[in-house]
Amino acid sequence: MTGEALRQGLISEQTIRDALITARGDIFLSSQYLGVTPRELDSYIRSSEDIQGFVAAIGVVKKDADYNRLSVEQFTDRLDQTTRAYQVEAIDIIHDLASIPMTQISAAMAEVKLKAAIQLRGAGKDPQANNGQASVLAELNDLYHQSAPRIKSIRVAQIEYQSDGE
């Protein structure tokens, strides 16, 4: 193996094992992690019986049905954890929107505020169970739109130009 990483002493059996673990046995990904070509990594693996045994063990584990089941369960658990974390973040953002004082927002922002309050309350999840609350909030929204400050008149300036020739 004549790669730059090998010449610098950065490649060892342990770094190859770590790369293979990270890449789940994929030689192409492992070579990217190590900064060598796949051909160089393959030649190093072929020259070491310990690494060959390690790669074979990874292959056996990947084919095991229990491993696949555990992998799917771990993926599902991780997805659930991430989703819950994003929901917590989202509820904080919705709370911030819902708590903006009405004097600082426009009618369009009031609508966003109303939707944020509905979402915070949970009406968006089960509209049947919160039908009374949704109608109260909708009525409040209508009342706001009726009493919101409006432009009472529009000034129109009319300017007439005469050309010098007329």
Protein backbone atom coordinates (compact mmCIF):
# COMPACT_ATOMS: atom_id res chain seq x y z
CA MET A 1 0.00 0.00 0.00
CA THR A 2 1.63 3.22 -1.12
CA GLY A 3 -0.99 5.77 -0.05
CA GLU A 4 0.00 9.09 1.50
CA ALA A 5 -1.73 8.15 4.77
CA LEU A 6 0.28 4.92 4.99
CA ARG A 7 3.53 6.76 4.29
CA GLN A 8 2.73 9.18 7.11
CA GLY A 9 2.06 6.32 9.51
CA LEU A 10 -1.63 7.16 9.85
CA ILE A 11 -2.86 3.72 8.79
CA SER A 12 -2.70 0.86 11.25
CA GLU A 13 -4.74 -2.27 11.88
CA GLN A 14 -6.68 -0.39 14.54
CA THR A 15 -7.54 2.54 12.25
CA ILE A 16 -8.64 0.06 9.58
CA ARG A 17 -10.84 -1.75 12.11
CA ASP A 18 -12.33 1.57 13.24
CA ALA A 19 -13.03 2.60 9.65
CA LEU A 20 -14.61 -0.77 8.87
CA ILE A 21 -16.81 -0.54 11.95
CA THR A 22 -17.90 2.99 11.06
CA ALA A 23 -18.60 1.96 7.46
CA ARG A 24 -20.28 -1.29 8.57
CA GLY A 25 -17.82 -3.35 6.53
CA ASP A 26 -18.01 -1.30 3.33
CA ILE A 27 -14.49 -1.15 1.87
CA PHE A 28 -15.25 1.84 -0.33
CA LEU A 29 -16.53 3.95 2.55
CA SER A 30 -13.73 2.74 4.79
CA SER A 31 -11.15 3.79 2.23
CA GLN A 32 -12.73 7.25 2.13
CA TYR A 33 -12.51 7.54 5.91
CA LEU A 34 -8.86 6.50 5.82
CA GLY A 35 -7.89 8.67 2.86
CA VAL A 36 -6.67 5.79 0.69
CA THR A 37 -7.97 4.16 -2.46
CA PRO A 38 -10.18 1.07 -2.16
CA ARG A 39 -7.49 -0.94 -3.98
CA GLU A 40 -4.89 0.11 -1.37
CA LEU A 41 -7.18 -0.80 1.50
CA ASP A 42 -8.01 -4.15 -0.09
CA SER A 43 -4.33 -4.99 -0.50
CA TYR A 44 -3.67 -4.14 3.15
CA ILE A 45 -6.62 -6.29 4.29
CA ARG A 46 -5.39 -9.18 2.15
CA SER A 47 -1.93 -8.93 3.71
CA SER A 48 -3.21 -9.17 7.31
CA GLU A 49 -4.90 -12.33 8.60
CA ASP A 50 -6.24 -10.45 11.64
CA ILE A 51 -8.01 -7.88 9.47
CA GLN A 52 -9.30 -10.61 7.14
CA GLY A 53 -10.87 -12.35 10.15
CA PHE A 54 -12.34 -9.05 11.30
CA VAL A 55 -13.91 -8.37 7.87
CA ALA A 56 -15.27 -11.94 7.79
CA ALA A 57 -16.82 -11.46 11.24
CA ILE A 58 -18.52 -8.26 10.07
CA GLY A 59 -19.93 -10.18 7.09
CA VAL A 60 -21.31 -12.93 9.35
CA VAL A 61 -22.93 -10.44 11.69
CA LYS A 62 -24.51 -8.48 8.84
CA LYS A 63 -26.18 -11.67 7.54
CA ASP A 64 -27.56 -12.63 10.96
CA ALA A 65 -31.37 -12.23 11.22
CA ASP A 66 -31.12 -11.10 14.85
CA TYR A 67 -28.67 -8.39 13.81
CA ASN A 68 -31.11 -7.17 11.14
CA ARG A 69 -33.94 -7.13 13.67
CA LEU A 70 -31.80 -5.19 16.16
CA SER A 71 -30.73 -2.77 13.43
CA VAL A 72 -34.34 -2.07 12.49
CA GLU A 73 -35.30 -1.62 16.16
CA GLN A 74 -32.37 0.72 16.73
CA PHE A 75 -33.31 2.72 13.63
CA THR A 76 -36.93 2.97 14.76
CA ASP A 77 -35.91 4.00 18.29
CA ARG A 78 -33.53 6.63 16.92
CA LEU A 79 -36.21 7.95 14.60
CA ASP A 80 -38.70 8.19 17.49
CA GLN A 81 -36.15 10.00 19.67
CA THR A 82 -35.32 12.48 16.92
CA THR A 83 -39.00 13.09 16.18
CA ARG A 84 -39.72 13.77 19.84
CA ALA A 85 -36.76 16.16 20.04
CA TYR A 86 -38.03 18.08 17.01
CA GLN A 87 -41.53 18.20 18.49
CA VAL A 88 -40.15 19.77 21.67
CA GLU A 89 -38.28 22.35 19.61
CA ALA A 90 -41.38 23.03 17.51
CA ILE A 91 -43.59 23.53 20.54
CA ASP A 92 -41.10 26.09 21.91
CA ILE A 93 -41.19 28.00 18.62
CA ILE A 94 -44.98 27.84 18.51
CA HIS A 95 -45.11 29.11 22.09
CA ASP A 96 -42.85 32.03 21.19
CA LEU A 97 -45.13 32.94 18.28
CA ALA A 98 -48.27 32.58 20.34
CA SER A 99 -46.90 34.83 23.09
CA ILE A 100 -46.07 37.87 20.94
CA PRO A 101 -48.09 40.84 22.27
CA MET A 102 -50.96 41.81 19.96
CA THR A 103 -49.80 45.45 19.86
CA GLN A 104 -46.62 44.43 18.02
CA ILE A 105 -48.16 42.52 15.14
CA SER A 106 -50.16 43.06 11.95
CA ALA A 107 -53.40 41.34 10.97
CA ALA A 108 -51.47 38.75 8.97
CA MET A 109 -49.22 38.08 11.93
CA ALA A 110 -52.32 37.86 14.16
CA GLU A 111 -53.54 35.03 11.93
CA VAL A 112 -50.20 33.29 12.32
CA LYS A 113 -50.45 33.89 16.08
CA LEU A 114 -53.93 32.38 16.11
CA LYS A 115 -52.77 29.31 14.21
CA ALA A 116 -49.79 29.00 16.56
CA ALA A 117 -52.10 29.19 19.58
CA ILE A 118 -54.39 26.54 18.06
CA GLN A 119 -51.40 24.30 17.42
CA LEU A 120 -50.08 24.89 20.93
CA ARG A 121 -53.42 23.99 22.40
CA GLY A 122 -53.52 20.84 20.31
CA ALA A 123 -56.60 21.61 18.23
CA GLY A 124 -54.74 20.75 15.06
CA LYS A 125 -54.27 17.14 16.14
CA ASP A 126 -57.88 16.21 16.88
CA PRO A 127 -60.35 18.70 15.38
CA GLN A 128 -63.38 16.65 16.49
CA ALA A 129 -62.48 16.74 20.20
CA ASN A 130 -61.58 20.45 20.23
CA ASN A 131 -64.39 21.69 18.01
CA GLY A 132 -65.67 24.14 20.67
CA GLN A 133 -62.23 25.64 21.21
CA ALA A 134 -61.61 25.95 17.48
CA SER A 135 -64.91 27.79 16.98
CA VAL A 136 -64.11 30.17 19.88
CA LEU A 137 -60.69 30.90 18.43
CA ALA A 138 -62.19 31.39 14.96
CA GLU A 139 -64.74 33.81 16.41
CA LEU A 140 -61.98 35.73 18.18
CA ASN A 141 -60.09 35.89 14.89
CA ASP A 142 -63.15 37.29 13.10
CA LEU A 143 -63.66 39.90 15.82
CA TYR A 144 -60.04 40.94 15.55
CA HIS A 145 -60.29 41.35 11.80
CA GLN A 146 -63.43 43.50 12.21
CA SER A 147 -61.91 45.83 14.79
CA ALA A 148 -58.33 45.88 13.53
CA PRO A 149 -57.06 49.30 12.52
CA ARG A 150 -57.78 49.84 8.87
CA ILE A 151 -56.79 52.54 6.43
CA LYS A 152 -59.82 54.84 6.47
CA SER A 153 -59.12 56.73 3.30
CA ILE A 154 -56.71 56.74 0.46
CA ARG A 155 -55.32 60.01 -0.80
CA VAL A 156 -55.03 60.24 -4.48
CA ALA A 157 -52.97 62.97 -5.97
CA GLN A 158 -53.71 63.90 -9.50
CA ILE A 159 -51.06 65.72 -11.38
CA GLU A 160 -51.66 67.08 -14.82
CA TYR A 161 -48.86 67.91 -17.16
CA GLN A 162 -49.12 70.18 -20.10
CA SER A 163 -46.67 70.03 -22.83
CA ASP A 164 -45.17 73.31 -24.03
CA GLY A 165 -46.53 72.85 -27.52
CA GLU A 166 -50.22 72.95 -26.52
